[in-house]
Amino acid sequence: SNGTTVSLMVLDMIAGAGVNLTDRLSLGASLSLGTGFLDGPWVGATGNASAFGLRGRLGADYDLTDCTSLGLYYQTEQHFTFDDNIRFPIPGPAGDFYLDTNLELPQNLGIGIANRRLLDGRLLLAVDVLYKQWSDADLFRALYDDQWVVQLGSQYTAGRVRLRLGYAWAENPLLARAGESGGGISPPGGRPVLE
């Protein structure tokens, strides 16, 4: 790994609410408080740090027919500042100095359609298309480009049992050439270090 290793874990606590505006239109919103843990990315120069970040979601669902529904949603970015995550050694009496790492999970836009007409309503088929805005996300914008994701899902209901099968396809978001800095850090060595 050329002296690098990284681990990012985010645990969210979510509160949400929804309302039926009409027989066919529903709106919902949620707010989550995330606890993030970042370890890395440079071996020997970074330690595990924690931070908190808020994230909001808005969504709408519209029943096109009795069996077909269309959904839209927007998810805000989730910003974390990992205090004193990176240590740069300075020779001499001044000693080491520490830098914070800024990291954001991206904004997401999604649209989906679902149908439950087949097999007397026991088979649900759904398709979602997501757009992930990595180019606006701290740290990741140095490494990733915006990304399209397509998710296919099915659910068959037999009494109290539900069988699910799905498939997800995602574009490779990695940039051909990384940036010079990421998350507020310009590492010694610049682009090769980030790559």
N, C-alpha and C. Protein backbone atom coordinates (compact mmCIF):
# COMPACT_ATOMS: atom_id res chain seq x y z
N SER A 1 0.82 -1.21 0.00
CA SER A 1 0.00 0.00 0.00
C SER A 1 0.86 1.26 0.00
N ASN A 2 2.17 1.13 -0.16
CA ASN A 2 3.08 2.28 -0.25
C ASN A 2 2.99 3.17 0.99
N GLY A 3 2.87 2.55 2.17
CA GLY A 3 2.85 3.32 3.41
C GLY A 3 1.51 3.94 3.74
N THR A 4 0.45 3.50 3.07
CA THR A 4 -0.87 4.07 3.34
C THR A 4 -1.85 2.99 3.75
N THR A 5 -2.77 3.36 4.59
CA THR A 5 -3.92 2.52 4.93
C THR A 5 -4.99 3.44 5.47
N VAL A 6 -6.23 3.16 5.18
CA VAL A 6 -7.30 4.05 5.64
C VAL A 6 -8.54 3.24 5.99
N SER A 7 -9.19 3.68 7.04
CA SER A 7 -10.45 3.08 7.45
C SER A 7 -11.40 4.20 7.82
N LEU A 8 -12.59 4.19 7.25
CA LEU A 8 -13.62 5.17 7.56
C LEU A 8 -14.89 4.42 7.94
N MET A 9 -15.43 4.75 9.09
CA MET A 9 -16.68 4.14 9.54
C MET A 9 -17.59 5.26 10.04
N VAL A 10 -18.85 5.24 9.59
CA VAL A 10 -19.83 6.23 10.01
C VAL A 10 -21.06 5.50 10.53
N LEU A 11 -21.45 5.82 11.75
CA LEU A 11 -22.66 5.25 12.35
C LEU A 11 -23.67 6.39 12.51
N ASP A 12 -24.85 6.23 11.93
CA ASP A 12 -25.87 7.28 11.94
C ASP A 12 -27.02 6.94 12.87
N MET A 13 -27.50 7.96 13.59
CA MET A 13 -28.77 7.89 14.32
C MET A 13 -29.74 8.77 13.56
N ILE A 14 -30.86 8.21 13.14
CA ILE A 14 -31.77 8.90 12.22
C ILE A 14 -33.13 9.11 12.86
N ALA A 15 -33.67 10.31 12.68
CA ALA A 15 -35.05 10.62 13.06
C ALA A 15 -35.74 11.14 11.81
N GLY A 16 -36.94 10.64 11.53
CA GLY A 16 -37.63 11.04 10.32
C GLY A 16 -39.13 11.11 10.52
N ALA A 17 -39.78 11.74 9.55
CA ALA A 17 -41.23 11.85 9.58
C ALA A 17 -41.74 11.89 8.14
N GLY A 18 -42.95 11.40 7.96
CA GLY A 18 -43.58 11.42 6.64
C GLY A 18 -45.04 11.79 6.77
N VAL A 19 -45.59 12.28 5.66
CA VAL A 19 -46.99 12.67 5.66
C VAL A 19 -47.60 12.38 4.29
N ASN A 20 -48.85 11.91 4.29
CA ASN A 20 -49.60 11.73 3.06
C ASN A 20 -50.32 13.03 2.75
N LEU A 21 -49.92 13.72 1.68
CA LEU A 21 -50.57 14.97 1.32
C LEU A 21 -51.89 14.71 0.60
N THR A 22 -51.90 13.67 -0.24
CA THR A 22 -53.12 13.25 -0.94
C THR A 22 -53.15 11.73 -0.91
N ASP A 23 -54.12 11.14 -1.56
CA ASP A 23 -54.18 9.68 -1.66
C ASP A 23 -53.01 9.13 -2.45
N ARG A 24 -52.41 9.95 -3.29
CA ARG A 24 -51.32 9.48 -4.17
C ARG A 24 -49.95 10.06 -3.84
N LEU A 25 -49.86 11.18 -3.14
CA LEU A 25 -48.59 11.87 -2.91
C LEU A 25 -48.19 11.85 -1.44
N SER A 26 -46.97 11.40 -1.18
CA SER A 26 -46.41 11.39 0.18
C SER A 26 -45.08 12.13 0.17
N LEU A 27 -44.81 12.83 1.27
CA LEU A 27 -43.53 13.52 1.46
C LEU A 27 -42.90 13.04 2.75
N GLY A 28 -41.58 13.01 2.77
CA GLY A 28 -40.87 12.61 3.98
C GLY A 28 -39.57 13.36 4.13
N ALA A 29 -39.10 13.43 5.36
CA ALA A 29 -37.82 14.08 5.65
C ALA A 29 -37.18 13.37 6.83
N SER A 30 -35.87 13.41 6.88
CA SER A 30 -35.16 12.85 8.02
C SER A 30 -33.89 13.64 8.27
N LEU A 31 -33.42 13.55 9.49
CA LEU A 31 -32.18 14.18 9.91
C LEU A 31 -31.37 13.14 10.65
N SER A 32 -30.11 13.02 10.30
CA SER A 32 -29.27 12.03 10.98
C SER A 32 -28.06 12.72 11.59
N LEU A 33 -27.67 12.21 12.73
CA LEU A 33 -26.43 12.61 13.38
C LEU A 33 -25.48 11.43 13.25
N GLY A 34 -24.38 11.66 12.55
CA GLY A 34 -23.41 10.60 12.32
C GLY A 34 -22.19 10.76 13.18
N THR A 35 -21.71 9.65 13.70
CA THR A 35 -20.43 9.60 14.39
C THR A 35 -19.45 8.94 13.42
N GLY A 36 -18.43 9.68 13.03
CA GLY A 36 -17.45 9.16 12.08
C GLY A 36 -16.13 8.85 12.76
N PHE A 37 -15.50 7.77 12.28
CA PHE A 37 -14.18 7.36 12.77
C PHE A 37 -13.27 7.21 11.57
N LEU A 38 -12.16 7.95 11.58
CA LEU A 38 -11.20 7.91 10.48
C LEU A 38 -9.85 7.48 11.03
N ASP A 39 -9.28 6.46 10.42
CA ASP A 39 -7.94 6.00 10.77
C ASP A 39 -7.13 5.98 9.49
N GLY A 40 -6.12 6.82 9.40
CA GLY A 40 -5.30 6.88 8.20
C GLY A 40 -5.34 8.30 7.66
N PRO A 41 -4.76 8.54 6.52
CA PRO A 41 -4.32 7.55 5.55
C PRO A 41 -2.83 7.20 5.57
N TRP A 42 -1.99 7.91 6.35
CA TRP A 42 -0.56 7.63 6.27
C TRP A 42 -0.09 6.90 7.51
N VAL A 43 0.50 5.73 7.31
CA VAL A 43 0.97 4.90 8.42
C VAL A 43 2.03 5.65 9.20
N GLY A 44 1.88 5.70 10.51
CA GLY A 44 2.85 6.36 11.37
C GLY A 44 2.65 7.85 11.51
N ALA A 45 1.83 8.45 10.64
CA ALA A 45 1.62 9.90 10.73
C ALA A 45 0.17 10.25 11.07
N THR A 46 -0.69 9.26 11.12
CA THR A 46 -2.10 9.51 11.43
C THR A 46 -2.57 8.53 12.48
N GLY A 47 -3.56 8.97 13.22
CA GLY A 47 -4.17 8.11 14.23
C GLY A 47 -5.67 8.14 14.08
N ASN A 48 -6.33 7.26 14.81
CA ASN A 48 -7.78 7.21 14.76
C ASN A 48 -8.36 8.47 15.39
N ALA A 49 -9.28 9.11 14.69
CA ALA A 49 -9.94 10.31 15.19
C ALA A 49 -11.44 10.17 14.97
N SER A 50 -12.21 10.84 15.81
CA SER A 50 -13.66 10.79 15.65
C SER A 50 -14.21 12.20 15.46
N ALA A 51 -15.39 12.27 14.85
CA ALA A 51 -16.05 13.55 14.60
C ALA A 51 -17.54 13.28 14.43
N PHE A 52 -18.32 14.37 14.47
CA PHE A 52 -19.76 14.27 14.29
C PHE A 52 -20.17 15.06 13.06
N GLY A 53 -21.22 14.59 12.36
CA GLY A 53 -21.72 15.29 11.19
C GLY A 53 -23.21 15.08 11.01
N LEU A 54 -23.89 16.14 10.59
CA LEU A 54 -25.33 16.08 10.33
C LEU A 54 -25.59 15.82 8.85
N ARG A 55 -26.72 15.17 8.57
CA ARG A 55 -27.12 14.92 7.20
C ARG A 55 -28.64 14.94 7.12
N GLY A 56 -29.16 15.60 6.10
CA GLY A 56 -30.60 15.67 5.92
C GLY A 56 -31.03 14.95 4.65
N ARG A 57 -32.29 14.52 4.66
CA ARG A 57 -32.87 13.84 3.49
C ARG A 57 -34.29 14.34 3.28
N LEU A 58 -34.66 14.55 2.03
CA LEU A 58 -36.02 14.91 1.63
C LEU A 58 -36.45 13.95 0.54
N GLY A 59 -37.69 13.49 0.62
CA GLY A 59 -38.15 12.55 -0.39
C GLY A 59 -39.62 12.73 -0.69
N ALA A 60 -40.02 12.28 -1.87
CA ALA A 60 -41.42 12.30 -2.28
C ALA A 60 -41.73 11.01 -3.00
N ASP A 61 -42.95 10.53 -2.82
CA ASP A 61 -43.42 9.32 -3.49
C ASP A 61 -44.79 9.61 -4.10
N TYR A 62 -44.94 9.30 -5.39
CA TYR A 62 -46.21 9.55 -6.06
C TYR A 62 -46.68 8.27 -6.72
N ASP A 63 -47.93 7.88 -6.42
CA ASP A 63 -48.52 6.68 -7.03
C ASP A 63 -49.07 7.05 -8.40
N LEU A 64 -48.37 6.58 -9.45
CA LEU A 64 -48.82 6.84 -10.82
C LEU A 64 -50.10 6.08 -11.12
N THR A 65 -50.17 4.82 -10.65
CA THR A 65 -51.36 3.99 -10.76
C THR A 65 -51.51 3.26 -9.44
N ASP A 66 -52.47 2.36 -9.36
CA ASP A 66 -52.64 1.58 -8.13
C ASP A 66 -51.47 0.64 -7.88
N CYS A 67 -50.68 0.34 -8.92
CA CYS A 67 -49.58 -0.63 -8.78
C CYS A 67 -48.20 -0.04 -9.06
N THR A 68 -48.13 1.18 -9.53
CA THR A 68 -46.84 1.78 -9.91
C THR A 68 -46.62 3.08 -9.16
N SER A 69 -45.44 3.22 -8.55
CA SER A 69 -45.10 4.45 -7.83
C SER A 69 -43.76 4.99 -8.31
N LEU A 70 -43.62 6.30 -8.21
CA LEU A 70 -42.41 7.02 -8.60
C LEU A 70 -41.89 7.75 -7.38
N GLY A 71 -40.60 7.62 -7.10
CA GLY A 71 -40.01 8.28 -5.94
C GLY A 71 -38.84 9.15 -6.32
N LEU A 72 -38.67 10.25 -5.58
CA LEU A 72 -37.54 11.16 -5.75
C LEU A 72 -36.96 11.45 -4.38
N TYR A 73 -35.64 11.59 -4.30
CA TYR A 73 -35.08 12.01 -3.01
C TYR A 73 -33.79 12.79 -3.21
N TYR A 74 -33.51 13.61 -2.19
CA TYR A 74 -32.27 14.39 -2.13
C TYR A 74 -31.65 14.17 -0.76
N GLN A 75 -30.35 13.96 -0.74
CA GLN A 75 -29.61 13.75 0.51
C GLN A 75 -28.47 14.76 0.54
N THR A 76 -28.37 15.52 1.63
CA THR A 76 -27.31 16.52 1.74
C THR A 76 -25.96 15.84 1.97
N GLU A 77 -24.89 16.61 1.83
CA GLU A 77 -23.57 16.08 2.19
C GLU A 77 -23.52 15.94 3.72
N GLN A 78 -22.56 15.16 4.16
CA GLN A 78 -22.33 14.99 5.61
C GLN A 78 -20.87 15.35 5.87
N HIS A 79 -20.66 16.45 6.62
CA HIS A 79 -19.32 16.98 6.82
C HIS A 79 -18.75 16.54 8.18
N PHE A 80 -17.49 16.12 8.14
CA PHE A 80 -16.76 15.76 9.36
C PHE A 80 -15.44 16.52 9.38
N THR A 81 -15.04 17.00 10.55
CA THR A 81 -13.70 17.55 10.76
C THR A 81 -13.02 16.70 11.82
N PHE A 82 -12.03 15.95 11.39
CA PHE A 82 -11.28 15.07 12.30
C PHE A 82 -10.10 15.87 12.85
N ASP A 83 -10.24 16.34 14.09
CA ASP A 83 -9.25 17.21 14.71
C ASP A 83 -7.93 16.47 14.95
N ASP A 84 -6.84 17.16 14.61
CA ASP A 84 -5.48 16.66 14.86
C ASP A 84 -5.27 15.23 14.37
N ASN A 85 -5.82 14.92 13.23
CA ASN A 85 -5.74 13.55 12.69
C ASN A 85 -4.37 13.24 12.10
N ILE A 86 -3.66 14.25 11.61
CA ILE A 86 -2.38 14.01 10.92
C ILE A 86 -1.25 14.74 11.64
N ARG A 87 -0.16 14.03 11.89
CA ARG A 87 1.02 14.59 12.56
C ARG A 87 2.16 14.70 11.56
N PHE A 88 2.70 15.91 11.45
CA PHE A 88 3.87 16.12 10.63
C PHE A 88 5.05 16.43 11.55
N PRO A 89 6.09 15.60 11.52
CA PRO A 89 7.24 15.86 12.39
C PRO A 89 8.08 17.02 11.85
N ILE A 90 8.49 17.91 12.76
CA ILE A 90 9.35 19.04 12.42
C ILE A 90 10.63 18.89 13.23
N PRO A 91 11.78 18.77 12.56
CA PRO A 91 13.02 18.67 13.32
C PRO A 91 13.29 19.97 14.09
N GLY A 92 13.89 19.84 15.24
CA GLY A 92 14.24 21.01 16.03
C GLY A 92 13.33 21.18 17.23
N PRO A 93 13.50 22.30 17.92
CA PRO A 93 12.78 22.51 19.19
C PRO A 93 11.27 22.69 19.00
N ALA A 94 10.81 23.10 17.82
CA ALA A 94 9.38 23.32 17.62
C ALA A 94 8.59 22.02 17.75
N GLY A 95 9.20 20.92 17.38
CA GLY A 95 8.52 19.62 17.49
C GLY A 95 7.50 19.42 16.40
N ASP A 96 6.60 18.49 16.63
CA ASP A 96 5.59 18.11 15.64
C ASP A 96 4.46 19.14 15.58
N PHE A 97 3.80 19.20 14.42
CA PHE A 97 2.55 19.96 14.36
C PHE A 97 1.47 19.07 13.77
N TYR A 98 0.24 19.38 14.11
CA TYR A 98 -0.90 18.53 13.76
C TYR A 98 -1.87 19.29 12.87
N LEU A 99 -2.52 18.55 11.98
CA LEU A 99 -3.51 19.13 11.07
C LEU A 99 -4.82 18.37 11.19
N ASP A 100 -5.92 19.10 10.94
CA ASP A 100 -7.24 18.48 10.89
C ASP A 100 -7.49 17.94 9.49
N THR A 101 -8.31 16.90 9.40
CA THR A 101 -8.74 16.36 8.12
C THR A 101 -10.22 16.66 7.94
N ASN A 102 -10.56 17.35 6.85
CA ASN A 102 -11.96 17.61 6.51
C ASN A 102 -12.42 16.55 5.52
N LEU A 103 -13.56 15.96 5.80
CA LEU A 103 -14.08 14.90 4.95
C LEU A 103 -15.59 15.07 4.85
N GLU A 104 -16.11 14.91 3.63
CA GLU A 104 -17.56 14.96 3.42
C GLU A 104 -18.02 13.75 2.64
N LEU A 105 -19.12 13.17 3.07
CA LEU A 105 -19.82 12.20 2.24
C LEU A 105 -20.68 13.00 1.28
N PRO A 106 -20.85 12.54 0.03
CA PRO A 106 -21.41 13.41 -1.02
C PRO A 106 -22.92 13.63 -0.93
N GLN A 107 -23.36 14.70 -1.61
CA GLN A 107 -24.78 14.89 -1.87
C GLN A 107 -25.23 13.80 -2.83
N ASN A 108 -26.46 13.35 -2.67
CA ASN A 108 -27.01 12.32 -3.55
C ASN A 108 -28.38 12.74 -4.03
N LEU A 109 -28.63 12.50 -5.30
CA LEU A 109 -29.95 12.69 -5.90
C LEU A 109 -30.41 11.34 -6.42
N GLY A 110 -31.68 11.02 -6.20
CA GLY A 110 -32.17 9.73 -6.63
C GLY A 110 -33.57 9.79 -7.19
N ILE A 111 -33.85 8.90 -8.15
CA ILE A 111 -35.17 8.72 -8.70
C ILE A 111 -35.40 7.22 -8.85
N GLY A 112 -36.60 6.79 -8.56
CA GLY A 112 -36.88 5.37 -8.66
C GLY A 112 -38.32 5.12 -9.06
N ILE A 113 -38.53 3.95 -9.63
CA ILE A 113 -39.88 3.53 -10.01
C ILE A 113 -40.07 2.09 -9.55
N ALA A 114 -41.26 1.78 -9.06
CA ALA A 114 -41.55 0.44 -8.57
C ALA A 114 -42.92 0.01 -9.07
N ASN A 115 -43.05 -1.30 -9.35
CA ASN A 115 -44.32 -1.85 -9.82
C ASN A 115 -44.60 -3.15 -9.08
N ARG A 116 -45.85 -3.32 -8.65
CA ARG A 116 -46.25 -4.53 -7.93
C ARG A 116 -47.48 -5.18 -8.58
N ARG A 117 -47.60 -5.09 -9.90
CA ARG A 117 -48.75 -5.63 -10.60
C ARG A 117 -48.66 -7.15 -10.84
N LEU A 118 -47.45 -7.67 -10.98
CA LEU A 118 -47.27 -9.07 -11.39
C LEU A 118 -47.61 -10.06 -10.28
N LEU A 119 -48.05 -11.24 -10.67
CA LEU A 119 -48.37 -12.35 -9.77
C LEU A 119 -49.35 -11.91 -8.66
N ASP A 120 -50.41 -11.25 -9.08
CA ASP A 120 -51.45 -10.78 -8.15
C ASP A 120 -50.88 -9.91 -7.02
N GLY A 121 -49.90 -9.10 -7.35
CA GLY A 121 -49.33 -8.19 -6.37
C GLY A 121 -48.27 -8.80 -5.48
N ARG A 122 -47.91 -10.05 -5.70
CA ARG A 122 -46.90 -10.68 -4.84
C ARG A 122 -45.48 -10.38 -5.30
N LEU A 123 -45.30 -9.91 -6.54
CA LEU A 123 -43.96 -9.61 -7.06
C LEU A 123 -43.79 -8.11 -7.23
N LEU A 124 -42.82 -7.56 -6.53
CA LEU A 124 -42.47 -6.14 -6.64
C LEU A 124 -41.17 -6.03 -7.43
N LEU A 125 -41.17 -5.17 -8.44
CA LEU A 125 -39.97 -4.89 -9.23
C LEU A 125 -39.66 -3.40 -9.11
N ALA A 126 -38.38 -3.05 -8.93
CA ALA A 126 -38.02 -1.65 -8.73
C ALA A 126 -36.69 -1.34 -9.40
N VAL A 127 -36.55 -0.08 -9.84
CA VAL A 127 -35.32 0.44 -10.43
C VAL A 127 -35.05 1.81 -9.82
N ASP A 128 -33.81 2.02 -9.36
CA ASP A 128 -33.38 3.33 -8.84
C ASP A 128 -32.17 3.79 -9.64
N VAL A 129 -32.11 5.10 -9.87
CA VAL A 129 -30.94 5.73 -10.48
C VAL A 129 -30.48 6.81 -9.51
N LEU A 130 -29.20 6.75 -9.12
CA LEU A 130 -28.62 7.70 -8.17
C LEU A 130 -27.49 8.48 -8.83
N TYR A 131 -27.36 9.74 -8.42
CA TYR A 131 -26.24 10.57 -8.85
C TYR A 131 -25.51 11.04 -7.60
N LYS A 132 -24.23 10.66 -7.47
CA LYS A 132 -23.43 10.98 -6.29
C LYS A 132 -22.44 12.08 -6.66
N GLN A 133 -22.51 13.23 -5.95
CA GLN A 133 -21.68 14.39 -6.28
C GLN A 133 -20.37 14.40 -5.48
N TRP A 134 -19.46 13.52 -5.85
CA TRP A 134 -18.15 13.45 -5.20
C TRP A 134 -17.34 14.71 -5.44
N SER A 135 -17.56 15.40 -6.56
CA SER A 135 -16.75 16.58 -6.90
C SER A 135 -16.97 17.75 -5.96
N ASP A 136 -18.02 17.71 -5.13
CA ASP A 136 -18.27 18.76 -4.14
C ASP A 136 -17.94 18.31 -2.72
N ALA A 137 -17.39 17.12 -2.55
CA ALA A 137 -17.16 16.55 -1.23
C ALA A 137 -15.70 16.72 -0.80
N ASP A 138 -15.49 17.36 0.36
CA ASP A 138 -14.13 17.51 0.89
C ASP A 138 -13.41 16.18 0.94
N LEU A 139 -12.15 16.18 0.66
CA LEU A 139 -11.24 15.05 0.59
C LEU A 139 -11.49 14.21 -0.66
N PHE A 140 -12.72 13.74 -0.86
CA PHE A 140 -13.00 12.84 -1.99
C PHE A 140 -12.88 13.54 -3.34
N ARG A 141 -13.10 14.88 -3.39
CA ARG A 141 -13.03 15.56 -4.69
C ARG A 141 -11.62 15.48 -5.29
N ALA A 142 -10.60 15.25 -4.45
CA ALA A 142 -9.23 15.10 -4.96
C ALA A 142 -9.02 13.73 -5.60
N LEU A 143 -9.91 12.79 -5.32
CA LEU A 143 -9.74 11.41 -5.78
C LEU A 143 -10.85 10.93 -6.71
N TYR A 144 -12.09 11.46 -6.52
CA TYR A 144 -13.26 10.93 -7.22
C TYR A 144 -13.91 11.97 -8.11
N ASP A 145 -14.56 11.47 -9.17
CA ASP A 145 -15.43 12.28 -10.01
C ASP A 145 -16.87 11.90 -9.67
N ASP A 146 -17.83 12.71 -10.13
CA ASP A 146 -19.23 12.38 -9.89
C ASP A 146 -19.56 11.01 -10.47
N GLN A 147 -20.58 10.38 -9.92
CA GLN A 147 -20.81 8.96 -10.20
C GLN A 147 -22.29 8.67 -10.38
N TRP A 148 -22.61 7.82 -11.35
CA TRP A 148 -23.97 7.30 -11.56
C TRP A 148 -24.05 5.89 -11.00
N VAL A 149 -25.16 5.58 -10.37
CA VAL A 149 -25.40 4.25 -9.81
C VAL A 149 -26.80 3.81 -10.23
N VAL A 150 -26.93 2.57 -10.69
CA VAL A 150 -28.22 1.98 -11.04
C VAL A 150 -28.44 0.77 -10.14
N GLN A 151 -29.61 0.71 -9.50
CA GLN A 151 -29.94 -0.39 -8.60
C GLN A 151 -31.23 -1.04 -9.07
N LEU A 152 -31.20 -2.36 -9.21
CA LEU A 152 -32.37 -3.13 -9.60
C LEU A 152 -32.76 -4.02 -8.43
N GLY A 153 -34.05 -4.11 -8.14
CA GLY A 153 -34.48 -4.93 -7.01
C GLY A 153 -35.80 -5.62 -7.28
N SER A 154 -35.99 -6.77 -6.64
CA SER A 154 -37.24 -7.50 -6.74
C SER A 154 -37.56 -8.10 -5.37
N GLN A 155 -38.85 -8.26 -5.13
CA GLN A 155 -39.30 -8.88 -3.87
C GLN A 155 -40.52 -9.73 -4.17
N TYR A 156 -40.44 -11.00 -3.78
CA TYR A 156 -41.57 -11.92 -3.94
C TYR A 156 -42.11 -12.24 -2.56
N THR A 157 -43.42 -12.07 -2.39
CA THR A 157 -44.07 -12.31 -1.10
C THR A 157 -44.87 -13.61 -1.16
N ALA A 158 -44.57 -14.51 -0.22
CA ALA A 158 -45.30 -15.78 -0.09
C ALA A 158 -45.73 -15.89 1.37
N GLY A 159 -46.95 -15.45 1.65
CA GLY A 159 -47.41 -15.44 3.04
C GLY A 159 -46.60 -14.44 3.86
N ARG A 160 -45.98 -14.94 4.93
CA ARG A 160 -45.17 -14.07 5.79
C ARG A 160 -43.71 -14.00 5.34
N VAL A 161 -43.36 -14.73 4.29
CA VAL A 161 -41.98 -14.78 3.80
C VAL A 161 -41.81 -13.83 2.62
N ARG A 162 -40.71 -13.09 2.63
CA ARG A 162 -40.37 -12.20 1.52
C ARG A 162 -38.98 -12.58 1.00
N LEU A 163 -38.91 -12.89 -0.27
CA LEU A 163 -37.64 -13.23 -0.91
C LEU A 163 -37.21 -12.05 -1.76
N ARG A 164 -35.97 -11.62 -1.55
CA ARG A 164 -35.47 -10.44 -2.26
C ARG A 164 -34.24 -10.77 -3.09
N LEU A 165 -34.16 -10.14 -4.24
CA LEU A 165 -33.02 -10.30 -5.12
C LEU A 165 -32.76 -8.95 -5.78
N GLY A 166 -31.50 -8.55 -5.82
CA GLY A 166 -31.18 -7.26 -6.41
C GLY A 166 -29.80 -7.25 -7.03
N TYR A 167 -29.55 -6.20 -7.78
CA TYR A 167 -28.25 -6.01 -8.42
C TYR A 167 -27.98 -4.51 -8.47
N ALA A 168 -26.75 -4.11 -8.20
CA ALA A 168 -26.35 -2.70 -8.28
C ALA A 168 -25.15 -2.55 -9.20
N TRP A 169 -25.18 -1.54 -10.04
CA TRP A 169 -24.06 -1.20 -10.91
C TRP A 169 -23.67 0.24 -10.61
N ALA A 170 -22.36 0.48 -10.50
CA ALA A 170 -21.87 1.83 -10.22
C ALA A 170 -20.68 2.13 -11.12
N GLU A 171 -20.65 3.37 -11.63
CA GLU A 171 -19.50 3.83 -12.38
C GLU A 171 -18.27 3.86 -11.49
N ASN A 172 -17.11 3.64 -12.06
CA ASN A 172 -15.87 3.81 -11.32
C ASN A 172 -15.63 5.30 -11.12
N PRO A 173 -15.62 5.79 -9.87
CA PRO A 173 -15.49 7.24 -9.67
C PRO A 173 -14.06 7.76 -9.63
N LEU A 174 -13.06 6.88 -9.63
CA LEU A 174 -11.67 7.33 -9.47
C LEU A 174 -11.23 8.23 -10.62
N LEU A 175 -10.65 9.37 -10.26
CA LEU A 175 -10.10 10.27 -11.26
C LEU A 175 -8.85 9.65 -11.88
N ALA A 176 -8.60 9.95 -13.15
CA ALA A 176 -7.40 9.46 -13.81
C ALA A 176 -6.15 10.06 -13.18
N ARG A 177 -6.29 11.28 -12.65
CA ARG A 177 -5.15 11.97 -12.02
C ARG A 177 -5.66 12.65 -10.75
N ALA A 178 -5.10 12.26 -9.64
CA ALA A 178 -5.53 12.82 -8.35
C ALA A 178 -5.12 14.28 -8.23
N GLY A 179 -5.77 15.00 -7.30
CA GLY A 179 -5.42 16.40 -7.04
C GLY A 179 -4.15 16.51 -6.22
N GLU A 180 -3.74 17.74 -5.98
CA GLU A 180 -2.52 18.01 -5.20
C GLU A 180 -2.78 17.93 -3.70
N SER A 181 -4.03 18.17 -3.28
CA SER A 181 -4.36 18.16 -1.86
C SER A 181 -5.78 17.63 -1.69
N GLY A 182 -6.07 17.19 -0.47
CA GLY A 182 -7.40 16.68 -0.19
C GLY A 182 -7.76 16.87 1.26
N GLY A 183 -8.99 17.30 1.51
CA GLY A 183 -9.47 17.45 2.87
C GLY A 183 -8.74 18.51 3.68
N GLY A 184 -8.18 19.51 2.99
CA GLY A 184 -7.44 20.56 3.68
C GLY A 184 -5.99 20.21 3.93
N ILE A 185 -5.52 19.08 3.43
CA ILE A 185 -4.15 18.63 3.64
C ILE A 185 -3.40 18.62 2.32
N SER A 186 -2.25 19.27 2.29
CA SER A 186 -1.34 19.20 1.15
C SER A 186 -0.13 18.39 1.61
N PRO A 187 -0.14 17.08 1.39
CA PRO A 187 0.92 16.25 1.94
C PRO A 187 2.27 16.49 1.27
N PRO A 188 3.36 16.29 2.02
CA PRO A 188 4.68 16.34 1.38
C PRO A 188 4.72 15.29 0.27
N GLY A 189 5.08 15.69 -0.90
CA GLY A 189 5.08 14.77 -2.03
C GLY A 189 3.90 15.00 -2.95
N GLY A 190 2.87 15.73 -2.50
CA GLY A 190 1.75 16.13 -3.35
C GLY A 190 0.98 15.00 -3.98
N ARG A 191 0.76 15.10 -5.30
CA ARG A 191 -0.11 14.19 -6.04
C ARG A 191 0.30 12.72 -5.89
N PRO A 192 1.58 12.34 -6.02
CA PRO A 192 1.93 10.91 -5.90
C PRO A 192 1.52 10.32 -4.55
N VAL A 193 1.59 11.13 -3.49
CA VAL A 193 1.20 10.64 -2.17
C VAL A 193 -0.31 10.38 -2.13
N LEU A 194 -1.11 11.31 -2.68
CA LEU A 194 -2.56 11.12 -2.71
C LEU A 194 -2.95 9.95 -3.59
N GLU A 195 -2.27 9.80 -4.73
CA GLU A 195 -2.59 8.66 -5.61
C GLU A 195 -2.28 7.35 -4.90
